[in-house]
C-alpha atoms as a PDB file:
ATOM      1  CA  UNK A   1      95.220  79.589 144.279  1.00  0.00           C
ATOM      2  CA  UNK A   2      93.792  80.097 140.757  1.00  0.00           C
ATOM      3  CA  UNK A   3      96.284  80.470 137.898  1.00  0.00           C
ATOM      4  CA  UNK A   4      97.413  83.994 137.121  1.00  0.00           C
ATOM      5  CA  UNK A   5      95.530  85.587 134.233  1.00  0.00           C
ATOM      6  CA  UNK A   6      97.812  86.015 131.196  1.00  0.00           C
ATOM      7  CA  UNK A   7      95.337  86.912 128.423  1.00  0.00           C
ATOM      8  CA  UNK A   8      93.516  90.211 128.933  1.00  0.00           C
ATOM      9  CA  UNK A   9      90.512  91.819 127.206  1.00  0.00           C
ATOM     10  CA  UNK A  10      92.722  94.211 125.244  1.00  0.00           C
ATOM     11  CA  UNK A  11      94.919  91.320 124.072  1.00  0.00           C
ATOM     12  CA  UNK A  12      91.828  89.633 122.645  1.00  0.00           C
ATOM     13  CA  UNK A  13      90.597  92.797 120.949  1.00  0.00           C
ATOM     14  CA  UNK A  14      94.015  93.437 119.405  1.00  0.00           C
ATOM     15  CA  UNK A  15      94.274  89.835 118.204  1.00  0.00           C
ATOM     16  CA  UNK A  16      90.811  90.119 116.634  1.00  0.00           C
ATOM     17  CA  UNK A  17      91.819  93.307 114.803  1.00  0.00           C
ATOM     18  CA  UNK A  18      95.018  91.682 113.544  1.00  0.00           C
ATOM     19  CA  UNK A  19      93.013  88.740 112.184  1.00  0.00           C
ATOM     20  CA  UNK A  20      90.622  91.086 110.381  1.00  0.00           C
ATOM     21  CA  UNK A  21      93.525  93.133 109.008  1.00  0.00           C
ATOM     22  CA  UNK A  22      95.068  90.020 107.440  1.00  0.00           C
ATOM     23  CA  UNK A  23      92.026  87.982 106.403  1.00  0.00           C
ATOM     24  CA  UNK A  24      88.940  90.164 106.576  1.00  0.00           C
ATOM     25  CA  UNK A  25      85.981  89.905 108.941  1.00  0.00           C
ATOM     26  CA  UNK A  26      85.103  86.441 107.646  1.00  0.00           C
ATOM     27  CA  UNK A  27      88.368  85.090 109.146  1.00  0.00           C
ATOM     28  CA  UNK A  28      87.365  86.105 112.680  1.00  0.00           C
ATOM     29  CA  UNK A  29      86.390  83.125 114.842  1.00  0.00           C
ATOM     30  CA  UNK A  30      87.018  82.239 118.463  1.00  0.00           C
ATOM     31  CA  UNK A  31      89.454  79.573 117.262  1.00  0.00           C
ATOM     32  CA  UNK A  32      91.459  82.001 115.101  1.00  0.00           C
ATOM     33  CA  UNK A  33      91.668  84.423 118.027  1.00  0.00           C
ATOM     34  CA  UNK A  34      92.848  81.608 120.310  1.00  0.00           C
ATOM     35  CA  UNK A  35      95.415  80.609 117.690  1.00  0.00           C
ATOM     36  CA  UNK A  36      96.636  84.190 117.405  1.00  0.00           C
ATOM     37  CA  UNK A  37      97.106  84.316 121.189  1.00  0.00           C
ATOM     38  CA  UNK A  38      98.482  80.751 121.473  1.00  0.00           C
ATOM     39  CA  UNK A  39      95.861  79.829 124.029  1.00  0.00           C
ATOM     40  CA  UNK A  40      92.632  77.893 124.322  1.00  0.00           C
ATOM     41  CA  UNK A  41      89.262  79.439 123.470  1.00  0.00           C
ATOM     42  CA  UNK A  42      88.486  79.785 127.200  1.00  0.00           C
ATOM     43  CA  UNK A  43      89.928  83.333 127.677  1.00  0.00           C
ATOM     44  CA  UNK A  44      87.767  84.659 124.810  1.00  0.00           C
ATOM     45  CA  UNK A  45      84.603  83.146 126.282  1.00  0.00           C
ATOM     46  CA  UNK A  46      85.580  84.259 129.812  1.00  0.00           C
ATOM     47  CA  UNK A  47      86.047  87.881 128.726  1.00  0.00           C
ATOM     48  CA  UNK A  48      83.219  88.249 126.197  1.00  0.00           C
ATOM     49  CA  UNK A  49      80.836  85.315 126.585  1.00  0.00           C
ATOM     50  CA  UNK A  50      80.461  84.926 122.825  1.00  0.00           C
ATOM     51  CA  UNK A  51      81.951  85.930 119.503  1.00  0.00           C
ATOM     52  CA  UNK A  52      78.914  88.156 118.872  1.00  0.00           C
ATOM     53  CA  UNK A  53      79.596  90.116 122.070  1.00  0.00           C
ATOM     54  CA  UNK A  54      83.219  90.562 120.999  1.00  0.00           C
ATOM     55  CA  UNK A  55      82.112  91.748 117.556  1.00  0.00           C
ATOM     56  CA  UNK A  56      79.803  94.311 119.195  1.00  0.00           C
ATOM     57  CA  UNK A  57      82.688  95.856 121.127  1.00  0.00           C
ATOM     58  CA  UNK A  58      85.231  95.637 118.326  1.00  0.00           C
ATOM     59  CA  UNK A  59      84.071  98.578 116.132  1.00  0.00           C
ATOM     60  CA  UNK A  60      84.362 101.168 118.899  1.00  0.00           C
ATOM     61  CA  UNK A  61      87.709  99.733 119.984  1.00  0.00           C
ATOM     62  CA  UNK A  62      89.012  99.811 116.388  1.00  0.00           C
ATOM     63  CA  UNK A  63      87.771 103.376 115.904  1.00  0.00           C
ATOM     64  CA  UNK A  64      89.543 104.528 119.074  1.00  0.00           C
ATOM     65  CA  UNK A  65      92.739 102.783 118.026  1.00  0.00           C
ATOM     66  CA  UNK A  66      92.817 103.862 114.373  1.00  0.00           C
ATOM     67  CA  UNK A  67      90.558 106.886 113.913  1.00  0.00           C
ATOM     68  CA  UNK A  68      91.159 109.090 116.959  1.00  0.00           C
ATOM     69  CA  UNK A  69      93.915 111.435 115.966  1.00  0.00           C
ATOM     70  CA  UNK A  70      94.860 115.064 116.324  1.00  0.00           C
ATOM     71  CA  UNK A  71      94.891 117.060 113.153  1.00  0.00           C
ATOM     72  CA  UNK A  72      96.161 120.525 112.437  1.00  0.00           C
ATOM     73  CA  UNK A  73      93.461 121.242 109.862  1.00  0.00           C
ATOM     74  CA  UNK A  74      90.083 120.151 108.594  1.00  0.00           C
ATOM     75  CA  UNK A  75      91.763 118.578 105.596  1.00  0.00           C
ATOM     76  CA  UNK A  76      94.078 116.606 107.897  1.00  0.00           C
ATOM     77  CA  UNK A  77      91.035 114.926 109.460  1.00  0.00           C
ATOM     78  CA  UNK A  78      89.901 113.794 106.013  1.00  0.00           C
ATOM     79  CA  UNK A  79      93.398 112.725 104.967  1.00  0.00           C
ATOM     80  CA  UNK A  80      93.735 110.616 108.132  1.00  0.00           C
ATOM     81  CA  UNK A  81      90.437 108.881 107.420  1.00  0.00           C
ATOM     82  CA  UNK A  82      91.385 108.248 103.786  1.00  0.00           C
ATOM     83  CA  UNK A  83      94.862 106.992 104.717  1.00  0.00           C
ATOM     84  CA  UNK A  84      93.118 104.501 106.979  1.00  0.00           C
ATOM     85  CA  UNK A  85      90.897 103.380 104.064  1.00  0.00           C
ATOM     86  CA  UNK A  86      93.967 103.014 101.865  1.00  0.00           C
ATOM     87  CA  UNK A  87      96.301 101.240 104.306  1.00  0.00           C
ATOM     88  CA  UNK A  88      93.846  99.238 106.443  1.00  0.00           C
ATOM     89  CA  UNK A  89      91.407  98.078 103.788  1.00  0.00           C
ATOM     90  CA  UNK A  90      89.991  95.095 105.677  1.00  0.00           C
ATOM     91  CA  UNK A  91      89.488  97.086 108.880  1.00  0.00           C
ATOM     92  CA  UNK A  92      87.864  99.886 106.890  1.00  0.00           C
ATOM     93  CA  UNK A  93      85.466  97.383 105.318  1.00  0.00           C
ATOM     94  CA  UNK A  94      84.734  95.874 108.738  1.00  0.00           C
ATOM     95  CA  UNK A  95      83.926  99.285 110.193  1.00  0.00           C
ATOM     96  CA  UNK A  96      82.160 100.956 107.287  1.00  0.00           C
ATOM     97  CA  UNK A  97      80.835  98.264 104.952  1.00  0.00           C
ATOM     98  CA  UNK A  98      78.710  96.345 107.408  1.00  0.00           C
ATOM     99  CA  UNK A  99      75.061  96.346 108.277  1.00  0.00           C
ATOM    100  CA  UNK A 100      74.421  98.714 111.157  1.00  0.00           C
ATOM    101  CA  UNK A 101      72.453  97.775 114.215  1.00  0.00           C
ATOM    102  CA  UNK A 102      69.521  99.849 115.477  1.00  0.00           C
ATOM    103  CA  UNK A 103      70.716 103.179 116.808  1.00  0.00           C
ATOM    104  CA  UNK A 104      74.204 102.989 115.301  1.00  0.00           C
ATOM    105  CA  UNK A 105      75.265 106.086 113.407  1.00  0.00           C
ATOM    106  CA  UNK A 106      75.991 105.938 109.706  1.00  0.00           C
ATOM    107  CA  UNK A 107      79.472 107.392 109.993  1.00  0.00           C
ATOM    108  CA  UNK A 108      81.783 107.101 112.954  1.00  0.00           C
ATOM    109  CA  UNK A 109      83.543 110.417 113.396  1.00  0.00           C
ATOM    110  CA  UNK A 110      85.618 110.614 116.541  1.00  0.00           C
ATOM    111  CA  UNK A 111      86.557 114.209 115.712  1.00  0.00           C
ATOM    112  CA  UNK A 112      83.055 115.457 114.910  1.00  0.00           C
ATOM    113  CA  UNK A 113      82.586 118.194 117.539  1.00  0.00           C
ATOM    114  CA  UNK A 114      86.088 119.585 117.092  1.00  0.00           C
ATOM    115  CA  UNK A 115      85.605 119.678 113.328  1.00  0.00           C
ATOM    116  CA  UNK A 116      82.265 121.490 113.532  1.00  0.00           C
ATOM    117  CA  UNK A 117      83.803 124.073 115.865  1.00  0.00           C
ATOM    118  CA  UNK A 118      86.673 124.652 113.397  1.00  0.00           C
ATOM    119  CA  UNK A 119      84.196 125.323 110.606  1.00  0.00           C
ATOM    120  CA  UNK A 120      82.039 127.607 112.755  1.00  0.00           C
ATOM    121  CA  UNK A 121      84.952 129.693 113.942  1.00  0.00           C
ATOM    122  CA  UNK A 122      86.971 130.015 110.741  1.00  0.00           C
ATOM    123  CA  UNK A 123      84.052 130.418 108.358  1.00  0.00           C
ATOM    124  CA  UNK A 124      81.752 132.458 110.622  1.00  0.00           C
ATOM    125  CA  UNK A 125      79.001 129.871 110.169  1.00  0.00           C
ATOM    126  CA  UNK A 126      76.041 128.934 112.250  1.00  0.00           C
ATOM    127  CA  UNK A 127      76.336 125.619 114.035  1.00  0.00           C
ATOM    128  CA  UNK A 128      73.598 124.194 111.810  1.00  0.00           C
ATOM    129  CA  UNK A 129      75.405 125.189 108.583  1.00  0.00           C
ATOM    130  CA  UNK A 130      78.726 123.900 109.918  1.00  0.00           C
ATOM    131  CA  UNK A 131      77.133 120.542 110.772  1.00  0.00           C
ATOM    132  CA  UNK A 132      75.455 120.321 107.365  1.00  0.00           C
ATOM    133  CA  UNK A 133      78.623 121.233 105.473  1.00  0.00           C
ATOM    134  CA  UNK A 134      80.623 118.725 107.473  1.00  0.00           C
ATOM    135  CA  UNK A 135      78.019 116.015 106.841  1.00  0.00           C
ATOM    136  CA  UNK A 136      78.395 116.555 103.101  1.00  0.00           C
ATOM    137  CA  UNK A 137      82.173 116.500 103.349  1.00  0.00           C
ATOM    138  CA  UNK A 138      81.843 113.234 105.295  1.00  0.00           C
ATOM    139  CA  UNK A 139      79.780 111.725 102.503  1.00  0.00           C
ATOM    140  CA  UNK A 140      82.450 112.693  99.975  1.00  0.00           C
ATOM    141  CA  UNK A 141      85.228 111.208 102.112  1.00  0.00           C
ATOM    142  CA  UNK A 142      83.202 108.096 102.822  1.00  0.00           C
ATOM    143  CA  UNK A 143      82.614 107.535  99.091  1.00  0.00           C
ATOM    144  CA  UNK A 144      86.308 108.013  98.326  1.00  0.00           C
ATOM    145  CA  UNK A 145      87.249 105.708 101.218  1.00  0.00           C
ATOM    146  CA  UNK A 146      84.944 102.952  99.984  1.00  0.00           C
ATOM    147  CA  UNK A 147      86.375 103.175  96.476  1.00  0.00           C
ATOM    148  CA  UNK A 148      89.939 103.055  97.823  1.00  0.00           C
ATOM    149  CA  UNK A 149      89.316 100.208 100.291  1.00  0.00           C
ATOM    150  CA  UNK A 150      87.653  98.071  97.625  1.00  0.00           C
ATOM    151  CA  UNK A 151      90.443  98.700  95.093  1.00  0.00           C
ATOM    152  CA  UNK A 152      88.068 100.526  92.767  1.00  0.00           C
ATOM    153  CA  UNK A 153      90.216 103.647  92.930  1.00  0.00           C
ATOM    154  CA  UNK A 154      93.914 104.272  93.513  1.00  0.00           C
ATOM    155  CA  UNK A 155      94.847 107.817  94.485  1.00  0.00           C
ATOM    156  CA  UNK A 156      98.115 109.355  95.586  1.00  0.00           C
ATOM    157  CA  UNK A 157      98.104 111.641  98.591  1.00  0.00           C
ATOM    158  CA  UNK A 158      98.471 114.584  96.202  1.00  0.00           C
ATOM    159  CA  UNK A 159      95.405 113.492  94.208  1.00  0.00           C
ATOM    160  CA  UNK A 160      93.420 112.977  97.404  1.00  0.00           C
ATOM    161  CA  UNK A 161      94.396 116.469  98.538  1.00  0.00           C
ATOM    162  CA  UNK A 162      93.246 118.005  95.248  1.00  0.00           C
ATOM    163  CA  UNK A 163      89.923 116.151  95.362  1.00  0.00           C
ATOM    164  CA  UNK A 164      89.274 117.308  98.922  1.00  0.00           C
ATOM    165  CA  UNK A 165      90.223 120.918  98.142  1.00  0.00           C
ATOM    166  CA  UNK A 166      88.061 121.014  95.014  1.00  0.00           C
ATOM    167  CA  UNK A 167      85.047 119.655  96.867  1.00  0.00           C
ATOM    168  CA  UNK A 168      85.698 122.042  99.762  1.00  0.00           C
ATOM    169  CA  UNK A 169      85.585 124.957  97.295  1.00  0.00           C
ATOM    170  CA  UNK A 170      82.219 123.738  95.997  1.00  0.00           C
ATOM    171  CA  UNK A 171      80.919 123.571  99.567  1.00  0.00           C
ATOM    172  CA  UNK A 172      82.269 127.054 100.332  1.00  0.00           C
ATOM    173  CA  UNK A 173      80.538 128.505  97.286  1.00  0.00           C
ATOM    174  CA  UNK A 174      77.261 126.989  98.420  1.00  0.00           C
ATOM    175  CA  UNK A 175      77.346 127.629 102.195  1.00  0.00           C
ATOM    176  CA  UNK A 176      78.864 131.102 102.017  1.00  0.00           C
ATOM    177  CA  UNK A 177      76.800 132.077  98.942  1.00  0.00           C
ATOM    178  CA  UNK A 178      80.002 133.043  97.133  1.00  0.00           C
ATOM    179  CA  UNK A 179      79.317 135.140  94.042  1.00  0.00           C
ATOM    180  CA  UNK A 180      82.802 135.953  92.748  1.00  0.00           C
ATOM    181  CA  UNK A 181      86.322 134.568  92.544  1.00  0.00           C
ATOM    182  CA  UNK A 182      87.470 137.408  94.793  1.00  0.00           C
ATOM    183  CA  UNK A 183      84.974 136.418  97.461  1.00  0.00           C
ATOM    184  CA  UNK A 184      86.021 132.770  97.106  1.00  0.00           C
ATOM    185  CA  UNK A 185      89.675 133.765  97.606  1.00  0.00           C
ATOM    186  CA  UNK A 186      88.685 135.627 100.775  1.00  0.00           C
ATOM    187  CA  UNK A 187      87.001 132.537 102.244  1.00  0.00           C
ATOM    188  CA  UNK A 188      89.800 130.271 101.092  1.00  0.00           C
ATOM    189  CA  UNK A 189      92.233 132.577 102.886  1.00  0.00           C
ATOM    190  CA  UNK A 190      90.043 132.346 106.001  1.00  0.00           C
ATOM    191  CA  UNK A 191      90.220 128.583 105.511  1.00  0.00           C
ATOM    192  CA  UNK A 192      94.012 128.369 105.343  1.00  0.00           C
ATOM    193  CA  UNK A 193      94.059 126.461 108.631  1.00  0.00           C
ATOM    194  CA  UNK A 194      91.237 124.225 107.444  1.00  0.00           C
ATOM    195  CA  UNK A 195      92.496 123.079 104.062  1.00  0.00           C
END
């Protein structure tokens, strides 16, 4: 009878993420994973075949573990992403500051469809405008996340909230063709569940 399996695929993925969290992507080797799990390198090779195959699966696993969350508002989605950049700097760099393979999207957004629907419904926007506005908000969040993860910028949650709200107002003015402060207040009121 073969020995009972004690190291599973998810154990290996979690160990790999823990190694990256502590030492960055450059610390990830089959040997460091084996050391983390107190085993030989055999379970890693049995499950994945190679370190490259493990690294291919790791981004989607990390995104599901750290970036899939429920949010009560549009702003909450952005705050969750930016908290991740601030608290999990090495994982953020692994996910977002790496060369992408052919066909990989620029930004991983597990909440994309839900977010676009929120914008469409609350702001009475076409799907195309909602997608475009969200794309621009993503770029803003991505830039802030990169600056925070690389220690270029330190922001409190209050400062992050103000930055997001200010940029959201700029986007509202553009996409809703807002002409007056009164009109802006109307759309901000319509956005109360978004920001």
